[in-house]
Every structure is written in C-alpha cells, then in structure tokens.
Amino acid sequence: MAVSIRLRREGSKNRPFYRVVVADKRSPRDGKFIEVIGNYDPRKAGHNYEINLDRADYWVKNGAQPSETVASIIRKARKQTAAAVV
C-alpha cells in the first residue's frame, strides 16, 4: 500500500482548517485516512500548526511520502523544537 502524509481540508466555506493525516495515496483528499498526526490553520498568524513529530518520523521511516506542504510543516516543527531545547 502506498501511503502519503497530506492535508485533509475541514472547516466551513471560506474558513479552511486542515488536519495532517496519514492516508493511502489512492483515497480522496477528504476521504478515508489511517491516522491524524497534526493540524494546520492557515488563517492564524504566527505559530499556526501542530504536529506529532514522533508519529511523522515513524510513518516516514516506514515509507510514507509527505506532501510538499506537510514536509515544510515538519521542517518548521523541527526547527522550533531544536530552538526550544537550546
């Protein structure tokens, strides 16, 4: 099974809110998914995402391909975590 980590659109019309999900590549954007690992709110300023890096690493290690947007969110989360530790 080909697995991807991508955004699933939720929210009302003109007020999008996205969940970061692990899903089969063949399923539709808002269709069936395997696991929710975070969320992203583009309308919010500043820190507008949350992601469980442990679960993201697990899925990438097991062959899941993140979309460009999700890969960007993961990079930002890693930078923020590294800055918080130092």
PDB file of N, CA and C in Angstrom:
ATOM      1  N   MET A   1       0.859  -1.176   0.000  1.00  0.00           N
ATOM      2  CA  MET A   1       0.000   0.000   0.000  1.00  0.00           C
ATOM      3  C   MET A   1       0.907   1.242   0.000  1.00  0.00           C
ATOM      4  N   ALA A   2       0.654   2.147  -0.936  1.00  0.00           N
ATOM      5  CA  ALA A   2       1.393   3.412  -0.995  1.00  0.00           C
ATOM      6  C   ALA A   2       0.735   4.399  -0.036  1.00  0.00           C
ATOM      7  N   VAL A   3       1.530   4.913   0.901  1.00  0.00           N
ATOM      8  CA  VAL A   3       0.998   5.789   1.945  1.00  0.00           C
ATOM      9  C   VAL A   3       1.599   7.182   1.798  1.00  0.00           C
ATOM     10  N   SER A   4       0.769   8.189   2.034  1.00  0.00           N
ATOM     11  CA  SER A   4       1.258   9.568   1.998  1.00  0.00           C
ATOM     12  C   SER A   4       0.811  10.310   3.255  1.00  0.00           C
ATOM     13  N   ILE A   5       1.564  11.342   3.590  1.00  0.00           N
ATOM     14  CA  ILE A   5       1.193  12.233   4.689  1.00  0.00           C
ATOM     15  C   ILE A   5       0.765  13.522   4.016  1.00  0.00           C
ATOM     16  N   ARG A   6      -0.483  13.908   4.201  1.00  0.00           N
ATOM     17  CA  ARG A   6      -1.015  15.067   3.489  1.00  0.00           C
ATOM     18  C   ARG A   6      -2.048  15.799   4.323  1.00  0.00           C
ATOM     19  N   LEU A   7      -2.565  16.886   3.748  1.00  0.00           N
ATOM     20  CA  LEU A   7      -3.561  17.696   4.445  1.00  0.00           C
ATOM     21  C   LEU A   7      -4.960  17.244   4.067  1.00  0.00           C
ATOM     22  N   ARG A   8      -5.845  17.257   5.040  1.00  0.00           N
ATOM     23  CA  ARG A   8      -7.260  16.943   4.836  1.00  0.00           C
ATOM     24  C   ARG A   8      -8.035  18.207   5.197  1.00  0.00           C
ATOM     25  N   ARG A   9      -8.798  18.753   4.253  1.00  0.00           N
ATOM     26  CA  ARG A   9      -9.488  20.018   4.478  1.00  0.00           C
ATOM     27  C   ARG A   9     -10.721  19.816   5.332  1.00  0.00           C
ATOM     28  N   GLU A  10     -10.850  20.676   6.325  1.00  0.00           N
ATOM     29  CA  GLU A  10     -12.035  20.712   7.164  1.00  0.00           C
ATOM     30  C   GLU A  10     -12.406  22.168   7.357  1.00  0.00           C
ATOM     31  N   GLY A  11     -13.421  22.437   8.128  1.00  0.00           N
ATOM     32  CA  GLY A  11     -13.859  23.807   8.341  1.00  0.00           C
ATOM     33  C   GLY A  11     -14.996  24.152   7.395  1.00  0.00           C
ATOM     34  N   SER A  12     -15.508  25.359   7.552  1.00  0.00           N
ATOM     35  CA  SER A  12     -16.635  25.771   6.723  1.00  0.00           C
ATOM     36  C   SER A  12     -16.157  26.506   5.482  1.00  0.00           C
ATOM     37  N   LYS A  13     -17.092  26.907   4.670  1.00  0.00           N
ATOM     38  CA  LYS A  13     -16.786  27.621   3.436  1.00  0.00           C
ATOM     39  C   LYS A  13     -16.034  28.915   3.765  1.00  0.00           C
ATOM     40  N   ASN A  14     -14.956  29.181   3.054  1.00  0.00           N
ATOM     41  CA  ASN A  14     -14.105  30.352   3.235  1.00  0.00           C
ATOM     42  C   ASN A  14     -13.396  30.414   4.588  1.00  0.00           C
ATOM     43  N   ARG A  15     -13.447  29.356   5.375  1.00  0.00           N
ATOM     44  CA  ARG A  15     -12.713  29.287   6.646  1.00  0.00           C
ATOM     45  C   ARG A  15     -12.024  27.926   6.750  1.00  0.00           C
ATOM     46  N   PRO A  16     -11.017  27.698   5.910  1.00  0.00           N
ATOM     47  CA  PRO A  16     -10.390  26.370   5.889  1.00  0.00           C
ATOM     48  C   PRO A  16      -9.573  26.089   7.142  1.00  0.00           C
ATOM     49  N   PHE A  17      -9.532  24.831   7.482  1.00  0.00           N
ATOM     50  CA  PHE A  17      -8.747  24.302   8.588  1.00  0.00           C
ATOM     51  C   PHE A  17      -8.306  22.925   8.119  1.00  0.00           C
ATOM     52  N   TYR A  18      -7.056  22.590   8.306  1.00  0.00           N
ATOM     53  CA  TYR A  18      -6.547  21.330   7.782  1.00  0.00           C
ATOM     54  C   TYR A  18      -6.047  20.425   8.894  1.00  0.00           C
ATOM     55  N   ARG A  19      -6.247  19.139   8.711  1.00  0.00           N
ATOM     56  CA  ARG A  19      -5.664  18.130   9.588  1.00  0.00           C
ATOM     57  C   ARG A  19      -4.553  17.446   8.793  1.00  0.00           C
ATOM     58  N   VAL A  20      -3.450  17.162   9.447  1.00  0.00           N
ATOM     59  CA  VAL A  20      -2.355  16.426   8.825  1.00  0.00           C
ATOM     60  C   VAL A  20      -2.659  14.953   9.062  1.00  0.00           C
ATOM     61  N   VAL A  21      -2.871  14.215   7.970  1.00  0.00           N
ATOM     62  CA  VAL A  21      -3.267  12.814   8.094  1.00  0.00           C
ATOM     63  C   VAL A  21      -2.327  11.909   7.312  1.00  0.00           C
ATOM     64  N   VAL A  22      -2.295  10.670   7.732  1.00  0.00           N
ATOM     65  CA  VAL A  22      -1.606   9.616   7.008  1.00  0.00           C
ATOM     66  C   VAL A  22      -2.698   8.850   6.275  1.00  0.00           C
ATOM     67  N   ALA A  23      -2.583   8.760   4.948  1.00  0.00           N
ATOM     68  CA  ALA A  23      -3.644   8.128   4.160  1.00  0.00           C
ATOM     69  C   ALA A  23      -3.051   7.355   2.987  1.00  0.00           C
ATOM     70  N   ASP A  24      -3.842   6.437   2.476  1.00  0.00           N
ATOM     71  CA  ASP A  24      -3.487   5.729   1.255  1.00  0.00           C
ATOM     72  C   ASP A  24      -3.508   6.742   0.110  1.00  0.00           C
ATOM     73  N   LYS A  25      -2.528   6.694  -0.776  1.00  0.00           N
ATOM     74  CA  LYS A  25      -2.461   7.659  -1.880  1.00  0.00           C
ATOM     75  C   LYS A  25      -3.689   7.609  -2.774  1.00  0.00           C
ATOM     76  N   ARG A  26      -4.320   6.453  -2.843  1.00  0.00           N
ATOM     77  CA  ARG A  26      -5.464   6.310  -3.745  1.00  0.00           C
ATOM     78  C   ARG A  26      -6.761   6.870  -3.187  1.00  0.00           C
ATOM     79  N   SER A  27      -6.823   7.134  -1.893  1.00  0.00           N
ATOM     80  CA  SER A  27      -8.054   7.651  -1.308  1.00  0.00           C
ATOM     81  C   SER A  27      -8.184   9.146  -1.612  1.00  0.00           C
ATOM     82  N   PRO A  28      -9.418   9.673  -1.691  1.00  0.00           N
ATOM     83  CA  PRO A  28      -9.614  11.092  -1.993  1.00  0.00           C
ATOM     84  C   PRO A  28      -9.091  11.998  -0.880  1.00  0.00           C
ATOM     85  N   ARG A  29      -8.915  13.265  -1.186  1.00  0.00           N
ATOM     86  CA  ARG A  29      -8.333  14.234  -0.247  1.00  0.00           C
ATOM     87  C   ARG A  29      -9.040  14.224   1.109  1.00  0.00           C
ATOM     88  N   ASP A  30     -10.355  14.247   1.102  1.00  0.00           N
ATOM     89  CA  ASP A  30     -11.107  14.286   2.354  1.00  0.00           C
ATOM     90  C   ASP A  30     -11.711  12.930   2.699  1.00  0.00           C
ATOM     91  N   GLY A  31     -11.180  11.890   2.100  1.00  0.00           N
ATOM     92  CA  GLY A  31     -11.726  10.552   2.319  1.00  0.00           C
ATOM     93  C   GLY A  31     -11.105   9.838   3.498  1.00  0.00           C
ATOM     94  N   LYS A  32     -11.074   8.523   3.373  1.00  0.00           N
ATOM     95  CA  LYS A  32     -10.603   7.658   4.434  1.00  0.00           C
ATOM     96  C   LYS A  32      -9.118   7.906   4.719  1.00  0.00           C
ATOM     97  N   PHE A  33      -8.751   7.830   6.001  1.00  0.00           N
ATOM     98  CA  PHE A  33      -7.353   8.013   6.391  1.00  0.00           C
ATOM     99  C   PHE A  33      -6.984   6.981   7.444  1.00  0.00           C
ATOM    100  N   ILE A  34      -5.692   6.856   7.694  1.00  0.00           N
ATOM    101  CA  ILE A  34      -5.194   5.881   8.657  1.00  0.00           C
ATOM    102  C   ILE A  34      -5.051   6.509  10.039  1.00  0.00           C
ATOM    103  N   GLU A  35      -4.456   7.712  10.098  1.00  0.00           N
ATOM    104  CA  GLU A  35      -4.180   8.337  11.391  1.00  0.00           C
ATOM    105  C   GLU A  35      -4.068   9.851  11.239  1.00  0.00           C
ATOM    106  N   VAL A  36      -4.542  10.591  12.223  1.00  0.00           N
ATOM    107  CA  VAL A  36      -4.370  12.042  12.277  1.00  0.00           C
ATOM    108  C   VAL A  36      -3.130  12.313  13.127  1.00  0.00           C
ATOM    109  N   ILE A  37      -2.161  13.062  12.574  1.00  0.00           N
ATOM    110  CA  ILE A  37      -0.934  13.327  13.328  1.00  0.00           C
ATOM    111  C   ILE A  37      -0.715  14.807  13.607  1.00  0.00           C
ATOM    112  N   GLY A  38      -1.650  15.665  13.184  1.00  0.00           N
ATOM    113  CA  GLY A  38      -1.480  17.085  13.480  1.00  0.00           C
ATOM    114  C   GLY A  38      -2.567  17.930  12.843  1.00  0.00           C
ATOM    115  N   ASN A  39      -2.388  19.252  12.908  1.00  0.00           N
ATOM    116  CA  ASN A  39      -3.323  20.170  12.267  1.00  0.00           C
ATOM    117  C   ASN A  39      -2.598  21.420  11.807  1.00  0.00           C
ATOM    118  N   TYR A  40      -3.261  22.182  10.920  1.00  0.00           N
ATOM    119  CA  TYR A  40      -2.689  23.384  10.331  1.00  0.00           C
ATOM    120  C   TYR A  40      -3.825  24.359  10.070  1.00  0.00           C
ATOM    121  N   ASP A  41      -3.675  25.604  10.555  1.00  0.00           N
ATOM    122  CA  ASP A  41      -4.689  26.638  10.360  1.00  0.00           C
ATOM    123  C   ASP A  41      -4.055  27.820   9.630  1.00  0.00           C
ATOM    124  N   PRO A  42      -4.252  27.925   8.315  1.00  0.00           N
ATOM    125  CA  PRO A  42      -3.590  28.979   7.547  1.00  0.00           C
ATOM    126  C   PRO A  42      -4.083  30.390   7.871  1.00  0.00           C
ATOM    127  N   ARG A  43      -5.239  30.530   8.492  1.00  0.00           N
ATOM    128  CA  ARG A  43      -5.783  31.846   8.801  1.00  0.00           C
ATOM    129  C   ARG A  43      -5.197  32.439  10.078  1.00  0.00           C
ATOM    130  N   LYS A  44      -4.519  31.640  10.851  1.00  0.00           N
ATOM    131  CA  LYS A  44      -3.949  32.076  12.116  1.00  0.00           C
ATOM    132  C   LYS A  44      -2.540  32.629  11.868  1.00  0.00           C
ATOM    133  N   ALA A  45      -2.199  33.727  12.505  1.00  0.00           N
ATOM    134  CA  ALA A  45      -0.871  34.314  12.345  1.00  0.00           C
ATOM    135  C   ALA A  45       0.125  33.639  13.282  1.00  0.00           C
ATOM    136  N   GLY A  46       1.378  33.668  12.899  1.00  0.00           N
ATOM    137  CA  GLY A  46       2.419  33.107  13.757  1.00  0.00           C
ATOM    138  C   GLY A  46       2.453  31.591  13.718  1.00  0.00           C
ATOM    139  N   HIS A  47       2.518  30.989  14.892  1.00  0.00           N
ATOM    140  CA  HIS A  47       2.580  29.525  15.018  1.00  0.00           C
ATOM    141  C   HIS A  47       1.195  28.948  14.717  1.00  0.00           C
ATOM    142  N   ASN A  48       0.997  28.462  13.491  1.00  0.00           N
ATOM    143  CA  ASN A  48      -0.330  28.023  13.061  1.00  0.00           C
ATOM    144  C   ASN A  48      -0.413  26.526  12.764  1.00  0.00           C
ATOM    145  N   TYR A  49       0.453  25.743  13.364  1.00  0.00           N
ATOM    146  CA  TYR A  49       0.446  24.303  13.124  1.00  0.00           C
ATOM    147  C   TYR A  49       0.804  23.553  14.394  1.00  0.00           C
ATOM    148  N   GLU A  50       0.402  22.310  14.447  1.00  0.00           N
ATOM    149  CA  GLU A  50       0.809  21.360  15.480  1.00  0.00           C
ATOM    150  C   GLU A  50       1.012  20.037  14.787  1.00  0.00           C
ATOM    151  N   ILE A  51       2.075  19.350  15.105  1.00  0.00           N
ATOM    152  CA  ILE A  51       2.318  18.043  14.504  1.00  0.00           C
ATOM    153  C   ILE A  51       3.057  17.158  15.499  1.00  0.00           C
ATOM    154  N   ASN A  52       2.705  15.900  15.523  1.00  0.00           N
ATOM    155  CA  ASN A  52       3.361  14.915  16.366  1.00  0.00           C
ATOM    156  C   ASN A  52       4.566  14.384  15.581  1.00  0.00           C
ATOM    157  N   LEU A  53       5.752  14.909  15.884  1.00  0.00           N
ATOM    158  CA  LEU A  53       6.960  14.543  15.130  1.00  0.00           C
ATOM    159  C   LEU A  53       7.326  13.073  15.290  1.00  0.00           C
ATOM    160  N   ASP A  54       7.031  12.485  16.447  1.00  0.00           N
ATOM    161  CA  ASP A  54       7.331  11.061  16.645  1.00  0.00           C
ATOM    162  C   ASP A  54       6.561  10.209  15.647  1.00  0.00           C
ATOM    163  N   ARG A  55       5.273  10.497  15.503  1.00  0.00           N
ATOM    164  CA  ARG A  55       4.452   9.722  14.571  1.00  0.00           C
ATOM    165  C   ARG A  55       4.830  10.016  13.122  1.00  0.00           C
ATOM    166  N   ALA A  56       5.167  11.277  12.807  1.00  0.00           N
ATOM    167  CA  ALA A  56       5.597  11.627  11.449  1.00  0.00           C
ATOM    168  C   ALA A  56       6.875  10.865  11.096  1.00  0.00           C
ATOM    169  N   ASP A  57       7.837  10.825  12.024  1.00  0.00           N
ATOM    170  CA  ASP A  57       9.075  10.083  11.795  1.00  0.00           C
ATOM    171  C   ASP A  57       8.803   8.592  11.597  1.00  0.00           C
ATOM    172  N   TYR A  58       7.905   8.060  12.406  1.00  0.00           N
ATOM    173  CA  TYR A  58       7.550   6.645  12.287  1.00  0.00           C
ATOM    174  C   TYR A  58       7.025   6.337  10.885  1.00  0.00           C
ATOM    175  N   TRP A  59       6.099   7.163  10.406  1.00  0.00           N
ATOM    176  CA  TRP A  59       5.494   6.899   9.096  1.00  0.00           C
ATOM    177  C   TRP A  59       6.485   7.119   7.958  1.00  0.00           C
ATOM    178  N   VAL A  60       7.330   8.129   8.055  1.00  0.00           N
ATOM    179  CA  VAL A  60       8.333   8.366   7.004  1.00  0.00           C
ATOM    180  C   VAL A  60       9.321   7.209   6.984  1.00  0.00           C
ATOM    181  N   LYS A  61       9.710   6.739   8.165  1.00  0.00           N
ATOM    182  CA  LYS A  61      10.632   5.598   8.251  1.00  0.00           C
ATOM    183  C   LYS A  61      10.028   4.346   7.614  1.00  0.00           C
ATOM    184  N   ASN A  62       8.712   4.219   7.681  1.00  0.00           N
ATOM    185  CA  ASN A  62       8.040   3.056   7.106  1.00  0.00           C
ATOM    186  C   ASN A  62       7.540   3.288   5.682  1.00  0.00           C
ATOM    187  N   GLY A  63       8.030   4.346   5.012  1.00  0.00           N
ATOM    188  CA  GLY A  63       7.767   4.512   3.591  1.00  0.00           C
ATOM    189  C   GLY A  63       6.737   5.546   3.191  1.00  0.00           C
ATOM    190  N   ALA A  64       6.157   6.269   4.127  1.00  0.00           N
ATOM    191  CA  ALA A  64       5.158   7.287   3.773  1.00  0.00           C
ATOM    192  C   ALA A  64       5.859   8.490   3.147  1.00  0.00           C
ATOM    193  N   GLN A  65       5.236   9.068   2.123  1.00  0.00           N
ATOM    194  CA  GLN A  65       5.778  10.233   1.435  1.00  0.00           C
ATOM    195  C   GLN A  65       4.997  11.474   1.840  1.00  0.00           C
ATOM    196  N   PRO A  66       5.623  12.466   2.503  1.00  0.00           N
ATOM    197  CA  PRO A  66       4.893  13.687   2.855  1.00  0.00           C
ATOM    198  C   PRO A  66       4.710  14.580   1.631  1.00  0.00           C
ATOM    199  N   SER A  67       3.594  15.301   1.586  1.00  0.00           N
ATOM    200  CA  SER A  67       3.378  16.279   0.517  1.00  0.00           C
ATOM    201  C   SER A  67       4.338  17.446   0.759  1.00  0.00           C
ATOM    202  N   GLU A  68       4.447  18.359  -0.218  1.00  0.00           N
ATOM    203  CA  GLU A  68       5.369  19.490  -0.070  1.00  0.00           C
ATOM    204  C   GLU A  68       5.001  20.350   1.132  1.00  0.00           C
ATOM    205  N   THR A  69       3.709  20.614   1.309  1.00  0.00           N
ATOM    206  CA  THR A  69       3.262  21.455   2.417  1.00  0.00           C
ATOM    207  C   THR A  69       3.539  20.782   3.755  1.00  0.00           C
ATOM    208  N   VAL A  70       3.258  19.514   3.851  1.00  0.00           N
ATOM    209  CA  VAL A  70       3.489  18.790   5.106  1.00  0.00           C
ATOM    210  C   VAL A  70       4.985  18.701   5.394  1.00  0.00           C
ATOM    211  N   ALA A  71       5.797  18.498   4.370  1.00  0.00           N
ATOM    212  CA  ALA A  71       7.246  18.465   4.573  1.00  0.00           C
ATOM    213  C   ALA A  71       7.734  19.802   5.120  1.00  0.00           C
ATOM    214  N   SER A  72       7.164  20.892   4.629  1.00  0.00           N
ATOM    215  CA  SER A  72       7.510  22.225   5.122  1.00  0.00           C
ATOM    216  C   SER A  72       7.109  22.386   6.587  1.00  0.00           C
ATOM    217  N   ILE A  73       5.923  21.924   6.940  1.00  0.00           N
ATOM    218  CA  ILE A  73       5.454  21.998   8.331  1.00  0.00           C
ATOM    219  C   ILE A  73       6.370  21.175   9.243  1.00  0.00           C
ATOM    220  N   ILE A  74       6.790  20.005   8.782  1.00  0.00           N
ATOM    221  CA  ILE A  74       7.683  19.156   9.579  1.00  0.00           C
ATOM    222  C   ILE A  74       9.024  19.849   9.792  1.00  0.00           C
ATOM    223  N   ARG A  75       9.567  20.477   8.739  1.00  0.00           N
ATOM    224  CA  ARG A  75      10.831  21.206   8.878  1.00  0.00           C
ATOM    225  C   ARG A  75      10.710  22.339   9.892  1.00  0.00           C
ATOM    226  N   LYS A  76       9.612  23.105   9.819  1.00  0.00           N
ATOM    227  CA  LYS A  76       9.392  24.209  10.767  1.00  0.00           C
ATOM    228  C   LYS A  76       9.290  23.684  12.196  1.00  0.00           C
ATOM    229  N   ALA A  77       8.574  22.570  12.372  1.00  0.00           N
ATOM    230  CA  ALA A  77       8.407  21.996  13.710  1.00  0.00           C
ATOM    231  C   ALA A  77       9.747  21.525  14.265  1.00  0.00           C
ATOM    232  N   ARG A  78      10.594  20.941  13.421  1.00  0.00           N
ATOM    233  CA  ARG A  78      11.918  20.502  13.866  1.00  0.00           C
ATOM    234  C   ARG A  78      12.773  21.697  14.298  1.00  0.00           C
ATOM    235  N   LYS A  79      12.733  22.782  13.522  1.00  0.00           N
ATOM    236  CA  LYS A  79      13.495  23.980  13.884  1.00  0.00           C
ATOM    237  C   LYS A  79      13.016  24.541  15.219  1.00  0.00           C
ATOM    238  N   GLN A  80      11.706  24.588  15.386  1.00  0.00           N
ATOM    239  CA  GLN A  80      11.145  25.134  16.632  1.00  0.00           C
ATOM    240  C   GLN A  80      11.544  24.253  17.824  1.00  0.00           C
ATOM    241  N   THR A  81      11.487  22.946  17.651  1.00  0.00           N
ATOM    242  CA  THR A  81      11.864  22.026  18.727  1.00  0.00           C
ATOM    243  C   THR A  81      13.348  22.168  19.066  1.00  0.00           C
ATOM    244  N   ALA A  82      14.195  22.288  18.042  1.00  0.00           N
ATOM    245  CA  ALA A  82      15.633  22.441  18.275  1.00  0.00           C
ATOM    246  C   ALA A  82      15.917  23.766  18.985  1.00  0.00           C
ATOM    247  N   ALA A  83      15.218  24.826  18.620  1.00  0.00           N
ATOM    248  CA  ALA A  83      15.419  26.130  19.252  1.00  0.00           C
ATOM    249  C   ALA A  83      14.952  26.107  20.707  1.00  0.00           C
ATOM    250  N   ALA A  84      13.893  25.353  20.992  1.00  0.00           N
ATOM    251  CA  ALA A  84      13.365  25.269  22.354  1.00  0.00           C
ATOM    252  C   ALA A  84      14.323  24.495  23.268  1.00  0.00           C
ATOM    253  N   VAL A  85      15.020  23.522  22.722  1.00  0.00           N
ATOM    254  CA  VAL A  85      15.931  22.690  23.506  1.00  0.00           C
ATOM    255  C   VAL A  85      17.189  23.482  23.870  1.00  0.00           C
ATOM    256  N   VAL A  86      17.674  24.294  22.933  1.00  0.00           N
ATOM    257  CA  VAL A  86      18.930  25.043  23.156  1.00  0.00           C
ATOM    258  C   VAL A  86      18.743  26.201  24.071  1.00  0.00           C
TER     259      VAL A  86
END
